[in-house]
C-alpha atoms as a PDB file:
ATOM      1  CA  UNK A   1     -31.530  26.706  12.808  1.00  0.00           C
ATOM      2  CA  UNK A   2     -29.236  23.884  11.612  1.00  0.00           C
ATOM      3  CA  UNK A   3     -25.951  24.766  10.007  1.00  0.00           C
ATOM      4  CA  UNK A   4     -24.402  22.130   7.775  1.00  0.00           C
ATOM      5  CA  UNK A   5     -20.670  22.219   7.556  1.00  0.00           C
ATOM      6  CA  UNK A   6     -19.621  19.956   4.763  1.00  0.00           C
ATOM      7  CA  UNK A   7     -16.368  18.087   5.301  1.00  0.00           C
ATOM      8  CA  UNK A   8     -13.847  18.806   2.559  1.00  0.00           C
ATOM      9  CA  UNK A   9     -12.981  15.695   0.594  1.00  0.00           C
ATOM     10  CA  UNK A  10     -10.119  15.685  -1.873  1.00  0.00           C
ATOM     11  CA  UNK A  11     -11.572  13.481  -4.593  1.00  0.00           C
ATOM     12  CA  UNK A  12      -8.465  13.794  -6.746  1.00  0.00           C
ATOM     13  CA  UNK A  13      -6.335  12.403  -3.923  1.00  0.00           C
ATOM     14  CA  UNK A  14      -8.746   9.529  -3.292  1.00  0.00           C
ATOM     15  CA  UNK A  15      -8.865   8.697  -7.012  1.00  0.00           C
ATOM     16  CA  UNK A  16      -5.048   8.659  -7.153  1.00  0.00           C
ATOM     17  CA  UNK A  17      -4.964   6.217  -4.234  1.00  0.00           C
ATOM     18  CA  UNK A  18      -7.453   3.922  -5.934  1.00  0.00           C
ATOM     19  CA  UNK A  19      -5.589   4.182  -9.234  1.00  0.00           C
ATOM     20  CA  UNK A  20      -2.333   3.180  -7.533  1.00  0.00           C
ATOM     21  CA  UNK A  21      -4.017   0.113  -6.061  1.00  0.00           C
ATOM     22  CA  UNK A  22      -5.882  -0.783  -9.263  1.00  0.00           C
ATOM     23  CA  UNK A  23      -3.485  -3.517 -10.339  1.00  0.00           C
ATOM     24  CA  UNK A  24      -3.389  -7.113  -9.053  1.00  0.00           C
ATOM     25  CA  UNK A  25       0.368  -7.055  -8.412  1.00  0.00           C
ATOM     26  CA  UNK A  26       0.182  -3.821  -6.414  1.00  0.00           C
ATOM     27  CA  UNK A  27      -2.774  -5.124  -4.399  1.00  0.00           C
ATOM     28  CA  UNK A  28      -0.792  -8.263  -3.646  1.00  0.00           C
ATOM     29  CA  UNK A  29       2.267  -6.276  -2.578  1.00  0.00           C
ATOM     30  CA  UNK A  30       0.331  -3.967  -0.241  1.00  0.00           C
ATOM     31  CA  UNK A  31      -1.711  -6.835   1.209  1.00  0.00           C
ATOM     32  CA  UNK A  32       1.476  -8.803   1.845  1.00  0.00           C
ATOM     33  CA  UNK A  33       3.074  -5.834   3.591  1.00  0.00           C
ATOM     34  CA  UNK A  34       0.020  -5.398   5.805  1.00  0.00           C
ATOM     35  CA  UNK A  35      -0.242  -9.065   6.731  1.00  0.00           C
ATOM     36  CA  UNK A  36       3.396  -9.248   7.790  1.00  0.00           C
ATOM     37  CA  UNK A  37       4.793 -10.750   4.621  1.00  0.00           C
ATOM     38  CA  UNK A  38       7.912  -9.752   2.762  1.00  0.00           C
ATOM     39  CA  UNK A  39       9.186  -6.246   3.279  1.00  0.00           C
ATOM     40  CA  UNK A  40      12.041  -5.996   0.766  1.00  0.00           C
ATOM     41  CA  UNK A  41      12.274  -6.472  -2.988  1.00  0.00           C
ATOM     42  CA  UNK A  42      14.342  -9.656  -2.804  1.00  0.00           C
ATOM     43  CA  UNK A  43      11.808 -11.421  -0.612  1.00  0.00           C
ATOM     44  CA  UNK A  44       8.879 -10.161  -2.718  1.00  0.00           C
ATOM     45  CA  UNK A  45      10.638 -11.406  -5.842  1.00  0.00           C
ATOM     46  CA  UNK A  46      11.079 -14.901  -4.397  1.00  0.00           C
ATOM     47  CA  UNK A  47       7.591 -15.221  -2.949  1.00  0.00           C
ATOM     48  CA  UNK A  48       5.770 -13.898  -6.007  1.00  0.00           C
ATOM     49  CA  UNK A  49       7.860 -15.362  -8.811  1.00  0.00           C
ATOM     50  CA  UNK A  50       8.096 -11.915 -10.445  1.00  0.00           C
ATOM     51  CA  UNK A  51      11.340 -10.329 -11.554  1.00  0.00           C
ATOM     52  CA  UNK A  52      13.102  -7.782  -9.376  1.00  0.00           C
ATOM     53  CA  UNK A  53      12.502  -5.072 -11.967  1.00  0.00           C
ATOM     54  CA  UNK A  54       8.764  -5.834 -12.081  1.00  0.00           C
ATOM     55  CA  UNK A  55       8.440  -5.693  -8.286  1.00  0.00           C
ATOM     56  CA  UNK A  56      10.529  -2.516  -8.144  1.00  0.00           C
ATOM     57  CA  UNK A  57       8.430  -0.778 -10.802  1.00  0.00           C
ATOM     58  CA  UNK A  58       5.224  -1.528  -8.916  1.00  0.00           C
ATOM     59  CA  UNK A  59       6.764  -0.375  -5.638  1.00  0.00           C
ATOM     60  CA  UNK A  60       7.793   2.897  -7.274  1.00  0.00           C
ATOM     61  CA  UNK A  61       4.201   3.542  -8.356  1.00  0.00           C
ATOM     62  CA  UNK A  62       2.987   2.758  -4.846  1.00  0.00           C
ATOM     63  CA  UNK A  63       5.608   5.069  -3.314  1.00  0.00           C
ATOM     64  CA  UNK A  64       4.754   7.891  -5.720  1.00  0.00           C
ATOM     65  CA  UNK A  65       1.095   7.629  -4.706  1.00  0.00           C
ATOM     66  CA  UNK A  66       1.949   7.588  -1.003  1.00  0.00           C
ATOM     67  CA  UNK A  67       0.633   4.063  -0.503  1.00  0.00           C
ATOM     68  CA  UNK A  68       3.903   2.630   0.791  1.00  0.00           C
ATOM     69  CA  UNK A  69       6.979   4.115   2.423  1.00  0.00           C
ATOM     70  CA  UNK A  70      10.555   2.895   2.249  1.00  0.00           C
ATOM     71  CA  UNK A  71      13.320   2.834   4.827  1.00  0.00           C
ATOM     72  CA  UNK A  72      16.918   1.978   4.046  1.00  0.00           C
ATOM     73  CA  UNK A  73      18.913  -0.295   6.331  1.00  0.00           C
ATOM     74  CA  UNK A  74      22.405  -0.780   4.949  1.00  0.00           C
ATOM     75  CA  UNK A  75      22.058  -2.091   1.406  1.00  0.00           C
ATOM     76  CA  UNK A  76      18.450  -3.170   1.877  1.00  0.00           C
ATOM     77  CA  UNK A  77      15.307  -1.097   1.452  1.00  0.00           C
ATOM     78  CA  UNK A  78      12.325  -2.169   3.553  1.00  0.00           C
ATOM     79  CA  UNK A  79       8.768  -1.186   2.677  1.00  0.00           C
ATOM     80  CA  UNK A  80       5.655  -0.735   4.785  1.00  0.00           C
ATOM     81  CA  UNK A  81       2.141   0.612   4.334  1.00  0.00           C
ATOM     82  CA  UNK A  82       2.131   4.375   4.593  1.00  0.00           C
ATOM     83  CA  UNK A  83      -1.050   4.999   6.575  1.00  0.00           C
ATOM     84  CA  UNK A  84      -4.000   3.696   8.492  1.00  0.00           C
ATOM     85  CA  UNK A  85      -6.145   4.993   5.636  1.00  0.00           C
ATOM     86  CA  UNK A  86      -4.472   2.516   3.269  1.00  0.00           C
ATOM     87  CA  UNK A  87      -4.918  -0.241   5.847  1.00  0.00           C
ATOM     88  CA  UNK A  88      -8.614   0.588   6.294  1.00  0.00           C
ATOM     89  CA  UNK A  89      -9.182   0.553   2.547  1.00  0.00           C
ATOM     90  CA  UNK A  90      -7.427  -2.803   2.168  1.00  0.00           C
ATOM     91  CA  UNK A  91      -9.328  -4.247   5.134  1.00  0.00           C
ATOM     92  CA  UNK A  92     -12.632  -3.244   3.549  1.00  0.00           C
ATOM     93  CA  UNK A  93     -11.570  -4.652   0.207  1.00  0.00           C
ATOM     94  CA  UNK A  94     -10.449  -7.999   1.615  1.00  0.00           C
ATOM     95  CA  UNK A  95     -13.112  -8.203   4.340  1.00  0.00           C
ATOM     96  CA  UNK A  96     -10.497  -8.280   7.093  1.00  0.00           C
ATOM     97  CA  UNK A  97      -9.908  -6.363  10.298  1.00  0.00           C
ATOM     98  CA  UNK A  98      -7.206  -3.703  10.449  1.00  0.00           C
ATOM     99  CA  UNK A  99      -6.151  -5.105  13.839  1.00  0.00           C
ATOM    100  CA  UNK A 100      -4.706  -8.086  11.927  1.00  0.00           C
ATOM    101  CA  UNK A 101      -2.365  -5.819   9.997  1.00  0.00           C
ATOM    102  CA  UNK A 102       1.215  -4.830  10.664  1.00  0.00           C
ATOM    103  CA  UNK A 103       1.579  -1.066  10.385  1.00  0.00           C
END
């Protein structure tokens, strides 16, 4: 007799993650964080050519969805990818290896 125990998957949570990433600017921000790029708003603003308010708004959406986390150091706030799950998803999307990423 074989007993199947189905793994619980929170589809709402997964959809929220995908929704948070479903914008070119947010994909660029997360990919940059994972590849060791800019980690604060000022640097992201300079490297992307976007305004500080635009970058900040996208970061807020990513934070709310749990995609990125922020840490304050003095007056600066530094961002990083929140989980290996996010890194694995981005690696699959960009056909890269998670070992290349900075977590």
